[in-house]
């Protein structure tokens, strides 16, 4: 297996192991065994375990934020709605990224991963806020709302889906309830029909 392919395989195995054993349990020995190489062979591709975990974290964030970049059609409100629905579909699937994400969040401070995860997460919030700003500019979203606040509300709804799935209570917090929350958020920033985009005008 060529260098880039092996590197990608190592990262994929590390992600799977984080979802199964958590960050502390994702040891170099386990990663090497899962890949089918010796532990020293990992150093031909990565400087250390933390470098593997950081790249795995980047891959995880890219996958979970794919909807942010793939949803480019429609009005800002339609884009926000589609991003929300795609997150619901991801959580409802057999995808293990929710497990891996929360294992990274729960990793101890000695792992040095929380700050990186926090920075990546703030980037996702900013992307949602920019969509809100686009809507404010074209008049499809009320001007007198804080884009960051709306972005955090949408993210909080996604977190609720994630946590409900992790706790096995998706039957209680189901997709219908989650979509209702999304619509409440979007309704709160939609100008009234026949009105203007500013609440104060």
Protein backbone atom coordinates (compact mmCIF):
# COMPACT_ATOMS: atom_id res chain seq x y z
CA UNK A 1 0.00 0.00 0.00
CA UNK A 2 1.37 3.39 -1.02
CA UNK A 3 2.16 6.06 1.56
CA UNK A 4 -0.96 8.24 1.18
CA UNK A 5 -3.24 5.18 1.07
CA UNK A 6 -1.65 3.69 4.18
CA UNK A 7 -1.85 7.05 5.94
CA UNK A 8 -5.56 7.25 5.11
CA UNK A 9 -6.08 3.69 6.34
CA UNK A 10 -4.38 4.50 9.63
CA UNK A 11 -6.62 7.52 10.13
CA UNK A 12 -9.78 5.53 9.33
CA UNK A 13 -8.81 2.81 11.78
CA UNK A 14 -8.03 5.37 14.44
CA UNK A 15 -11.51 6.91 14.01
CA UNK A 16 -13.16 3.51 14.31
CA UNK A 17 -11.14 2.74 17.43
CA UNK A 18 -12.02 6.09 19.03
CA UNK A 19 -15.70 5.31 18.49
CA UNK A 20 -15.24 1.86 20.07
CA UNK A 21 -12.68 2.41 22.85
CA UNK A 22 -12.57 6.17 23.34
CA UNK A 23 -9.47 8.32 22.93
CA UNK A 24 -7.51 6.77 25.84
CA UNK A 25 -8.14 3.28 24.46
CA UNK A 26 -6.99 4.21 20.98
CA UNK A 27 -3.40 3.22 21.55
CA UNK A 28 -0.65 2.92 18.96
CA UNK A 29 -0.67 -0.84 19.54
CA UNK A 30 -4.39 -1.06 18.77
CA UNK A 31 -4.07 1.16 15.72
CA UNK A 32 -1.15 -0.86 14.35
CA UNK A 33 -2.97 -4.14 14.98
CA UNK A 34 -6.13 -2.89 13.23
CA UNK A 35 -4.10 -1.72 10.24
CA UNK A 36 -2.04 -4.92 10.14
CA UNK A 37 1.38 -3.37 10.65
CA UNK A 38 3.88 -3.19 13.49
CA UNK A 39 3.73 -0.28 15.90
CA UNK A 40 7.11 1.09 14.73
CA UNK A 41 5.77 1.08 11.14
CA UNK A 42 3.26 3.80 12.11
CA UNK A 43 6.16 6.24 12.53
CA UNK A 44 6.83 6.06 8.81
CA UNK A 45 3.58 7.99 8.36
CA UNK A 46 3.03 9.95 11.57
CA UNK A 47 5.36 11.53 14.10
CA UNK A 48 3.34 10.32 17.07
CA UNK A 49 -0.08 9.20 18.32
CA UNK A 50 -1.34 12.77 18.76
CA UNK A 51 -0.69 13.52 15.10
CA UNK A 52 -2.80 10.50 14.13
CA UNK A 53 -5.62 11.61 16.42
CA UNK A 54 -5.53 15.20 15.16
CA UNK A 55 -5.80 14.06 11.55
CA UNK A 56 -8.61 11.68 12.50
CA UNK A 57 -10.37 14.60 14.19
CA UNK A 58 -10.02 16.71 11.03
CA UNK A 59 -11.51 13.92 8.91
CA UNK A 60 -14.37 13.56 11.38
CA UNK A 61 -15.18 17.28 11.29
CA UNK A 62 -15.01 17.33 7.49
CA UNK A 63 -17.54 14.50 7.28
CA UNK A 64 -19.91 15.96 9.82
CA UNK A 65 -19.77 19.38 8.17
CA UNK A 66 -20.12 18.11 4.61
CA UNK A 67 -23.69 19.43 4.40
CA UNK A 68 -22.44 22.95 5.11
CA UNK A 69 -20.40 22.86 1.93
CA UNK A 70 -22.60 20.69 -0.27
CA UNK A 71 -25.80 22.64 0.27
CA UNK A 72 -25.27 25.62 -2.01
CA UNK A 73 -28.62 25.90 -3.78
CA UNK A 74 -31.71 27.75 -2.62
CA UNK A 75 -32.34 30.69 -0.36
CA UNK A 76 -30.40 31.05 2.91
CA UNK A 77 -33.45 29.74 4.82
CA UNK A 78 -33.69 26.73 2.51
CA UNK A 79 -29.98 26.07 2.94
CA UNK A 80 -30.23 26.19 6.73
CA UNK A 81 -33.21 23.83 6.61
CA UNK A 82 -31.39 21.38 4.31
CA UNK A 83 -28.28 21.41 6.49
CA UNK A 84 -30.47 20.59 9.49
CA UNK A 85 -32.22 17.76 7.66
CA UNK A 86 -28.95 16.27 6.48
CA UNK A 87 -27.68 16.21 10.04
CA UNK A 88 -30.85 14.33 11.05
CA UNK A 89 -30.22 11.79 8.29
CA UNK A 90 -26.62 11.33 9.43
CA UNK A 91 -27.68 10.67 13.02
CA UNK A 92 -30.41 8.25 11.89
CA UNK A 93 -27.92 6.27 9.80
CA UNK A 94 -25.44 3.68 11.08
CA UNK A 95 -22.67 6.26 10.90
CA UNK A 96 -20.38 6.07 13.96
CA UNK A 97 -19.21 9.67 13.74
CA UNK A 98 -21.50 10.73 16.60
CA UNK A 99 -19.76 8.26 18.90
CA UNK A 100 -16.32 9.38 17.78
CA UNK A 101 -17.20 13.07 18.15
CA UNK A 102 -18.30 12.74 21.76
CA UNK A 103 -15.33 10.55 22.62
CA UNK A 104 -13.09 13.34 21.36
CA UNK A 105 -15.07 15.84 23.45
CA UNK A 106 -14.69 13.61 26.52
CA UNK A 107 -10.95 13.11 26.04
CA UNK A 108 -8.87 14.29 28.97
CA UNK A 109 -7.01 17.62 28.80
CA UNK A 110 -3.70 15.75 28.65
CA UNK A 111 -4.64 14.57 25.16
CA UNK A 112 -4.51 18.15 23.86
CA UNK A 113 -7.51 17.66 21.56
CA UNK A 114 -10.27 19.73 23.14
CA UNK A 115 -8.88 23.07 22.00
CA UNK A 116 -8.53 21.88 18.41
CA UNK A 117 -12.05 20.47 18.44
CA UNK A 118 -13.34 23.73 19.88
CA UNK A 119 -11.67 25.75 17.12
CA UNK A 120 -13.12 23.50 14.41
CA UNK A 121 -16.55 23.74 16.00
CA UNK A 122 -16.45 27.51 16.11
CA UNK A 123 -15.63 27.42 12.41
CA UNK A 124 -18.85 25.49 11.75
CA UNK A 125 -20.85 27.98 13.81
CA UNK A 126 -19.32 30.81 11.78
CA UNK A 127 -20.33 29.09 8.54
CA UNK A 128 -23.96 28.92 9.70
CA UNK A 129 -23.82 32.53 10.85
CA UNK A 130 -22.61 33.60 7.41
CA UNK A 131 -25.63 31.93 5.82
CA UNK A 132 -27.85 33.91 8.19
CA UNK A 133 -26.00 37.07 7.18
CA UNK A 134 -26.59 36.22 3.50
CA UNK A 135 -30.31 36.05 4.28
CA UNK A 136 -30.19 39.38 6.08
CA UNK A 137 -28.54 40.93 3.04
CA UNK A 138 -31.13 39.62 0.56
CA UNK A 139 -34.06 40.37 2.89
CA UNK A 140 -35.14 36.76 3.44
CA UNK A 141 -34.07 36.84 7.10
CA UNK A 142 -34.94 39.49 9.70
CA UNK A 143 -32.13 42.00 10.06
CA UNK A 144 -32.56 42.47 13.80
CA UNK A 145 -31.27 39.06 14.83
CA UNK A 146 -27.79 38.05 15.88
CA UNK A 147 -26.42 35.60 13.25
CA UNK A 148 -24.18 33.95 15.83
CA UNK A 149 -27.12 33.40 18.18
CA UNK A 150 -29.16 31.76 15.43
CA UNK A 151 -26.18 29.63 14.42
CA UNK A 152 -25.79 28.42 18.01
CA UNK A 153 -29.50 27.62 18.21
CA UNK A 154 -29.24 25.46 15.09
CA UNK A 155 -26.12 23.76 16.47
CA UNK A 156 -27.87 23.14 19.80
CA UNK A 157 -30.70 21.41 17.98
CA UNK A 158 -28.10 19.17 16.27
CA UNK A 159 -26.46 18.41 19.61
CA UNK A 160 -29.83 17.36 21.01
CA UNK A 161 -30.16 14.87 18.16
CA UNK A 162 -26.65 13.57 18.80
CA UNK A 163 -27.12 13.13 22.53
CA UNK A 164 -30.55 11.51 22.17
CA UNK A 165 -29.03 8.99 19.76
CA UNK A 166 -26.11 8.28 22.10
CA UNK A 167 -28.44 7.70 25.05
CA UNK A 168 -30.79 5.51 23.00
CA UNK A 169 -33.78 7.81 23.44
CA UNK A 170 -34.36 8.79 19.82
CA UNK A 171 -37.85 7.38 20.20
CA UNK A 172 -38.57 10.24 22.60
CA UNK A 173 -36.62 12.97 20.84
CA UNK A 174 -37.46 11.77 17.35
CA UNK A 175 -36.94 13.30 13.95
CA UNK A 176 -40.40 14.88 13.96
CA UNK A 177 -39.72 16.76 17.19
CA UNK A 178 -36.28 17.75 15.98
CA UNK A 179 -37.64 19.09 12.71
CA UNK A 180 -40.30 21.02 14.61
CA UNK A 181 -37.54 22.69 16.63
CA UNK A 182 -35.71 23.56 13.41
CA UNK A 183 -38.87 25.11 11.97
CA UNK A 184 -39.43 27.14 15.15
CA UNK A 185 -35.94 28.55 14.82
CA UNK A 186 -36.38 29.35 11.13
CA UNK A 187 -39.85 30.81 11.66
CA UNK A 188 -38.43 33.15 14.29
CA UNK A 189 -36.09 34.74 11.73
CA UNK A 190 -38.45 34.80 8.75
CA UNK A 191 -39.94 38.22 7.95
CA UNK A 192 -43.74 38.35 8.13
CA UNK A 193 -45.47 38.10 4.77
CA UNK A 194 -46.03 41.55 3.38
CA UNK A 195 -43.70 42.99 5.98
CA UNK A 196 -40.10 44.11 5.88
CA UNK A 197 -36.96 42.32 6.96
CA UNK A 198 -36.40 44.59 9.95
CA UNK A 199 -38.46 44.21 13.10
CA UNK A 200 -37.88 47.85 14.00
CA UNK A 201 -38.92 49.43 10.71
